[in-house]
Amino acid sequence: QWSLLLRQACHLVEERRQQGEPLVWLDGAFETRSPLSYLVHPLVQKNQANLLYGPKGAGKSYIAEIIAYAVTLGMADICDMRVDTSRPHRVAYYDYEGDEDAFNERLAAISAGCDLYGVQIAYRHLSTPIADCLFSIQRDVAENDITLVIVDSFVPAAGGDDMMKSGPATRLHAALRSLNVS
């Protein structure tokens, strides 16, 4: 009996997932739309997948950590960016490029530069694509009230070296959107 109920429930969930979002008719009338909501204005929209792009060595990891630092501490302004301080935020940083020591060293430098200490950012090194470890990341987000997920870096997180094909990028984007956080 339970087996049948579970199969039916799984079938209904999968059916709903495949239906996707409902069709919405838009007419370009912006007064009916709500304004864009930012976690960090103008870089990070709330509850959206956001991409920081630049050449290797441009400092994207530092920028991401500065954002994580500011969001975690609830700093209203940092580097001409406005941070949402309407509630406390917790950040998880999923890293494909570095390790705990490199991350912590950058965090210590940021703390010293701001002369503010005591920030805690959840960190995990990953080696498998986000979509393949999504369940554990969803658990991290839910259990720790994470509001900002930072993934460093796109290609390994997507799980494909051939980014000329859309499959890996599409899987990554879908996985990140399912988290319903920034």
C-alpha atoms as a PDB file:
ATOM      1  CA  GLN A   1       0.000   0.000   0.000  1.00  0.00           C
ATOM      2  CA  TRP A   2       2.752   2.516   0.944  1.00  0.00           C
ATOM      3  CA  SER A   3       4.723   1.612  -2.132  1.00  0.00           C
ATOM      4  CA  LEU A   4       1.774   2.418  -4.381  1.00  0.00           C
ATOM      5  CA  LEU A   5       1.123   5.724  -2.575  1.00  0.00           C
ATOM      6  CA  LEU A   6       4.775   6.746  -2.886  1.00  0.00           C
ATOM      7  CA  ARG A   7       4.841   5.926  -6.604  1.00  0.00           C
ATOM      8  CA  GLN A   8       1.668   7.966  -7.139  1.00  0.00           C
ATOM      9  CA  ALA A   9       3.072  10.888  -5.162  1.00  0.00           C
ATOM     10  CA  CYS A  10       6.327  10.785  -7.139  1.00  0.00           C
ATOM     11  CA  HIS A  11       4.370  10.684 -10.377  1.00  0.00           C
ATOM     12  CA  LEU A  12       2.286  13.722  -9.360  1.00  0.00           C
ATOM     13  CA  VAL A  13       5.374  15.694  -8.314  1.00  0.00           C
ATOM     14  CA  GLU A  14       7.157  14.909 -11.577  1.00  0.00           C
ATOM     15  CA  GLU A  15       4.052  15.801 -13.579  1.00  0.00           C
ATOM     16  CA  ARG A  16       3.822  19.180 -11.822  1.00  0.00           C
ATOM     17  CA  ARG A  17       7.533  19.834 -12.350  1.00  0.00           C
ATOM     18  CA  GLN A  18       7.197  19.166 -16.066  1.00  0.00           C
ATOM     19  CA  GLN A  19       4.250  21.573 -16.310  1.00  0.00           C
ATOM     20  CA  GLY A  20       6.476  24.416 -15.182  1.00  0.00           C
ATOM     21  CA  GLU A  21       5.280  27.901 -14.418  1.00  0.00           C
ATOM     22  CA  PRO A  22       1.883  29.079 -15.682  1.00  0.00           C
ATOM     23  CA  LEU A  23       1.566  31.179 -18.829  1.00  0.00           C
ATOM     24  CA  VAL A  24       1.382  34.893 -18.004  1.00  0.00           C
ATOM     25  CA  TRP A  25       0.164  37.601 -20.384  1.00  0.00           C
ATOM     26  CA  LEU A  26       2.260  40.774 -20.293  1.00  0.00           C
ATOM     27  CA  ASP A  27       1.522  44.084 -21.966  1.00  0.00           C
ATOM     28  CA  GLY A  28       4.607  46.121 -21.134  1.00  0.00           C
ATOM     29  CA  ALA A  29       2.808  48.188 -18.495  1.00  0.00           C
ATOM     30  CA  PHE A  30       5.559  48.647 -15.940  1.00  0.00           C
ATOM     31  CA  GLU A  31       3.327  50.299 -13.364  1.00  0.00           C
ATOM     32  CA  THR A  32       1.759  46.899 -12.660  1.00  0.00           C
ATOM     33  CA  ARG A  33       5.094  45.213 -12.077  1.00  0.00           C
ATOM     34  CA  SER A  34       6.886  45.242  -8.789  1.00  0.00           C
ATOM     35  CA  PRO A  35      10.320  46.890  -8.905  1.00  0.00           C
ATOM     36  CA  LEU A  36      13.383  44.677  -9.034  1.00  0.00           C
ATOM     37  CA  SER A  37      14.476  43.643  -5.580  1.00  0.00           C
ATOM     38  CA  TYR A  38      18.180  43.452  -4.786  1.00  0.00           C
ATOM     39  CA  LEU A  39      20.148  41.725  -2.083  1.00  0.00           C
ATOM     40  CA  VAL A  40      23.155  43.810  -3.166  1.00  0.00           C
ATOM     41  CA  HIS A  41      22.304  46.701  -5.493  1.00  0.00           C
ATOM     42  CA  PRO A  42      23.159  46.780  -8.393  1.00  0.00           C
ATOM     43  CA  LEU A  43      24.853  43.359  -8.612  1.00  0.00           C
ATOM     44  CA  VAL A  44      22.728  40.700  -6.891  1.00  0.00           C
ATOM     45  CA  GLN A  45      18.978  40.422  -7.431  1.00  0.00           C
ATOM     46  CA  LYS A  46      17.047  38.694  -4.669  1.00  0.00           C
ATOM     47  CA  ASN A  47      16.038  35.075  -5.286  1.00  0.00           C
ATOM     48  CA  GLN A  48      17.646  34.986  -8.733  1.00  0.00           C
ATOM     49  CA  ALA A  49      20.681  33.298 -10.166  1.00  0.00           C
ATOM     50  CA  ASN A  50      23.228  36.082 -10.776  1.00  0.00           C
ATOM     51  CA  LEU A  51      26.470  35.767 -12.742  1.00  0.00           C
ATOM     52  CA  LEU A  52      29.657  37.731 -12.142  1.00  0.00           C
ATOM     53  CA  TYR A  53      31.750  37.338 -15.274  1.00  0.00           C
ATOM     54  CA  GLY A  54      35.297  38.356 -16.083  1.00  0.00           C
ATOM     55  CA  PRO A  55      38.647  37.052 -17.293  1.00  0.00           C
ATOM     56  CA  LYS A  56      40.796  34.783 -15.157  1.00  0.00           C
ATOM     57  CA  GLY A  57      42.621  36.762 -12.475  1.00  0.00           C
ATOM     58  CA  ALA A  58      40.199  39.720 -12.570  1.00  0.00           C
ATOM     59  CA  GLY A  59      39.359  39.347  -8.870  1.00  0.00           C
ATOM     60  CA  LYS A  60      35.927  37.725  -9.113  1.00  0.00           C
ATOM     61  CA  SER A  61      36.577  35.548  -6.057  1.00  0.00           C
ATOM     62  CA  TYR A  62      37.573  38.604  -3.999  1.00  0.00           C
ATOM     63  CA  ILE A  63      34.486  40.500  -5.148  1.00  0.00           C
ATOM     64  CA  ALA A  64      32.291  37.503  -4.290  1.00  0.00           C
ATOM     65  CA  GLU A  65      33.852  37.276  -0.817  1.00  0.00           C
ATOM     66  CA  ILE A  66      33.454  41.007  -0.234  1.00  0.00           C
ATOM     67  CA  ILE A  67      29.776  40.664  -1.151  1.00  0.00           C
ATOM     68  CA  ALA A  68      29.450  37.638   1.156  1.00  0.00           C
ATOM     69  CA  TYR A  69      31.163  39.585   3.946  1.00  0.00           C
ATOM     70  CA  ALA A  70      28.947  42.651   3.552  1.00  0.00           C
ATOM     71  CA  VAL A  71      25.743  40.613   3.324  1.00  0.00           C
ATOM     72  CA  THR A  72      26.623  38.512   6.372  1.00  0.00           C
ATOM     73  CA  LEU A  73      27.489  41.540   8.495  1.00  0.00           C
ATOM     74  CA  GLY A  74      24.489  43.506   7.268  1.00  0.00           C
ATOM     75  CA  MET A  75      26.661  46.398   6.119  1.00  0.00           C
ATOM     76  CA  ALA A  76      24.345  48.914   4.457  1.00  0.00           C
ATOM     77  CA  ASP A  77      26.953  50.179   1.983  1.00  0.00           C
ATOM     78  CA  ILE A  78      30.211  48.745   0.748  1.00  0.00           C
ATOM     79  CA  CYS A  79      32.181  49.751  -2.348  1.00  0.00           C
ATOM     80  CA  ASP A  80      29.242  51.830  -3.664  1.00  0.00           C
ATOM     81  CA  MET A  81      26.902  48.833  -3.390  1.00  0.00           C
ATOM     82  CA  ARG A  82      23.755  48.957  -1.255  1.00  0.00           C
ATOM     83  CA  VAL A  83      23.120  45.817   0.782  1.00  0.00           C
ATOM     84  CA  ASP A  84      19.652  44.733   1.872  1.00  0.00           C
ATOM     85  CA  THR A  85      19.612  44.980   5.667  1.00  0.00           C
ATOM     86  CA  SER A  86      15.911  44.208   6.135  1.00  0.00           C
ATOM     87  CA  ARG A  87      16.835  40.904   7.786  1.00  0.00           C
ATOM     88  CA  PRO A  88      19.964  38.975   8.794  1.00  0.00           C
ATOM     89  CA  HIS A  89      21.518  37.029   5.925  1.00  0.00           C
ATOM     90  CA  ARG A  90      23.623  33.889   5.892  1.00  0.00           C
ATOM     91  CA  VAL A  91      25.920  32.980   3.030  1.00  0.00           C
ATOM     92  CA  ALA A  92      27.185  29.657   1.680  1.00  0.00           C
ATOM     93  CA  TYR A  93      30.222  29.643  -0.601  1.00  0.00           C
ATOM     94  CA  TYR A  94      30.689  26.577  -2.831  1.00  0.00           C
ATOM     95  CA  ASP A  95      34.199  26.561  -4.232  1.00  0.00           C
ATOM     96  CA  TYR A  96      35.612  24.615  -7.185  1.00  0.00           C
ATOM     97  CA  GLU A  97      38.832  26.575  -7.571  1.00  0.00           C
ATOM     98  CA  GLY A  98      40.418  27.063  -4.163  1.00  0.00           C
ATOM     99  CA  ASP A  99      40.419  25.516  -0.749  1.00  0.00           C
ATOM    100  CA  GLU A 100      39.520  26.468   2.825  1.00  0.00           C
ATOM    101  CA  ASP A 101      42.901  28.049   3.485  1.00  0.00           C
ATOM    102  CA  ALA A 102      42.766  30.340   0.434  1.00  0.00           C
ATOM    103  CA  PHE A 103      39.168  31.330   1.216  1.00  0.00           C
ATOM    104  CA  ASN A 104      39.939  31.997   4.879  1.00  0.00           C
ATOM    105  CA  GLU A 105      43.050  34.012   3.964  1.00  0.00           C
ATOM    106  CA  ARG A 106      40.981  36.285   1.683  1.00  0.00           C
ATOM    107  CA  LEU A 107      38.309  36.585   4.393  1.00  0.00           C
ATOM    108  CA  ALA A 108      40.971  37.564   6.963  1.00  0.00           C
ATOM    109  CA  ALA A 109      42.318  40.228   4.579  1.00  0.00           C
ATOM    110  CA  ILE A 110      38.821  41.639   4.039  1.00  0.00           C
ATOM    111  CA  SER A 111      38.169  41.632   7.804  1.00  0.00           C
ATOM    112  CA  ALA A 112      41.450  43.436   8.481  1.00  0.00           C
ATOM    113  CA  GLY A 113      40.770  45.970   5.719  1.00  0.00           C
ATOM    114  CA  CYS A 114      37.319  46.755   7.129  1.00  0.00           C
ATOM    115  CA  ASP A 115      38.505  46.447  10.741  1.00  0.00           C
ATOM    116  CA  LEU A 116      35.454  44.259  11.426  1.00  0.00           C
ATOM    117  CA  TYR A 117      35.892  40.722  12.664  1.00  0.00           C
ATOM    118  CA  GLY A 118      33.718  37.754  13.574  1.00  0.00           C
ATOM    119  CA  VAL A 119      31.955  37.128  10.275  1.00  0.00           C
ATOM    120  CA  GLN A 120      31.063  33.496   9.560  1.00  0.00           C
ATOM    121  CA  ILE A 121      30.462  32.258   6.024  1.00  0.00           C
ATOM    122  CA  ALA A 122      29.628  28.641   5.323  1.00  0.00           C
ATOM    123  CA  TYR A 123      32.232  27.125   2.996  1.00  0.00           C
ATOM    124  CA  ARG A 124      32.420  23.861   1.094  1.00  0.00           C
ATOM    125  CA  HIS A 125      34.835  22.718  -1.585  1.00  0.00           C
ATOM    126  CA  LEU A 126      33.047  20.864  -4.388  1.00  0.00           C
ATOM    127  CA  SER A 127      34.331  18.707  -7.214  1.00  0.00           C
ATOM    128  CA  THR A 128      31.065  17.434  -8.737  1.00  0.00           C
ATOM    129  CA  PRO A 129      28.601  19.554 -10.729  1.00  0.00           C
ATOM    130  CA  ILE A 130      26.004  21.459  -8.710  1.00  0.00           C
ATOM    131  CA  ALA A 131      23.140  19.544 -10.318  1.00  0.00           C
ATOM    132  CA  ASP A 132      24.688  16.252  -9.137  1.00  0.00           C
ATOM    133  CA  CYS A 133      24.918  17.344  -5.494  1.00  0.00           C
ATOM    134  CA  LEU A 134      21.822  19.536  -5.444  1.00  0.00           C
ATOM    135  CA  PHE A 135      20.078  17.611  -2.670  1.00  0.00           C
ATOM    136  CA  SER A 136      22.883  18.276  -0.171  1.00  0.00           C
ATOM    137  CA  ILE A 137      23.019  21.956  -1.173  1.00  0.00           C
ATOM    138  CA  GLN A 138      19.232  22.257  -0.779  1.00  0.00           C
ATOM    139  CA  ARG A 139      19.636  20.729   2.682  1.00  0.00           C
ATOM    140  CA  ASP A 140      22.413  23.231   3.514  1.00  0.00           C
ATOM    141  CA  VAL A 141      20.199  26.132   2.436  1.00  0.00           C
ATOM    142  CA  ALA A 142      17.148  24.921   4.359  1.00  0.00           C
ATOM    143  CA  GLU A 143      18.904  23.842   7.562  1.00  0.00           C
ATOM    144  CA  ASN A 144      21.073  26.953   7.819  1.00  0.00           C
ATOM    145  CA  ASP A 145      18.650  29.638   6.572  1.00  0.00           C
ATOM    146  CA  ILE A 146      21.010  30.541   3.728  1.00  0.00           C
ATOM    147  CA  THR A 147      19.878  33.544   1.682  1.00  0.00           C
ATOM    148  CA  LEU A 148      22.904  33.893  -0.621  1.00  0.00           C
ATOM    149  CA  VAL A 149      24.704  31.046  -2.389  1.00  0.00           C
ATOM    150  CA  ILE A 150      27.981  31.836  -4.115  1.00  0.00           C
ATOM    151  CA  VAL A 151      29.437  29.342  -6.583  1.00  0.00           C
ATOM    152  CA  ASP A 152      33.052  29.768  -7.674  1.00  0.00           C
ATOM    153  CA  SER A 153      33.372  28.903 -10.620  1.00  0.00           C
ATOM    154  CA  PHE A 154      30.825  28.478 -13.424  1.00  0.00           C
ATOM    155  CA  VAL A 155      32.400  25.882 -15.759  1.00  0.00           C
ATOM    156  CA  PRO A 156      33.183  23.195 -13.152  1.00  0.00           C
ATOM    157  CA  ALA A 157      29.882  23.891 -11.364  1.00  0.00           C
ATOM    158  CA  ALA A 158      28.091  23.278 -14.660  1.00  0.00           C
ATOM    159  CA  GLY A 159      30.042  20.069 -15.182  1.00  0.00           C
ATOM    160  CA  GLY A 160      31.189  20.678 -18.690  1.00  0.00           C
ATOM    161  CA  ASP A 161      34.312  21.842 -20.409  1.00  0.00           C
ATOM    162  CA  ASP A 162      32.433  22.431 -23.652  1.00  0.00           C
ATOM    163  CA  MET A 163      30.404  25.486 -22.721  1.00  0.00           C
ATOM    164  CA  MET A 164      29.505  26.002 -26.386  1.00  0.00           C
ATOM    165  CA  LYS A 165      26.745  23.476 -25.717  1.00  0.00           C
ATOM    166  CA  SER A 166      23.851  24.702 -23.621  1.00  0.00           C
ATOM    167  CA  GLY A 167      23.187  21.491 -21.666  1.00  0.00           C
ATOM    168  CA  PRO A 168      25.618  21.962 -18.747  1.00  0.00           C
ATOM    169  CA  ALA A 169      24.788  25.662 -18.335  1.00  0.00           C
ATOM    170  CA  THR A 170      21.057  24.937 -18.472  1.00  0.00           C
ATOM    171  CA  ARG A 171      21.368  22.234 -15.791  1.00  0.00           C
ATOM    172  CA  LEU A 172      23.379  24.555 -13.548  1.00  0.00           C
ATOM    173  CA  HIS A 173      20.935  27.428 -13.965  1.00  0.00           C
ATOM    174  CA  ALA A 174      17.937  25.174 -13.235  1.00  0.00           C
ATOM    175  CA  ALA A 175      19.653  23.786 -10.129  1.00  0.00           C
ATOM    176  CA  LEU A 176      20.486  27.248  -8.802  1.00  0.00           C
ATOM    177  CA  ARG A 177      16.974  28.566  -9.500  1.00  0.00           C
ATOM    178  CA  SER A 178      15.509  25.624  -7.546  1.00  0.00           C
ATOM    179  CA  LEU A 179      17.262  26.919  -4.413  1.00  0.00           C
ATOM    180  CA  ASN A 180      15.078  30.056  -4.467  1.00  0.00           C
ATOM    181  CA  VAL A 181      17.829  32.202  -2.971  1.00  0.00           C
ATOM    182  CA  SER A 182      20.187  34.808  -4.374  1.00  0.00           C
END
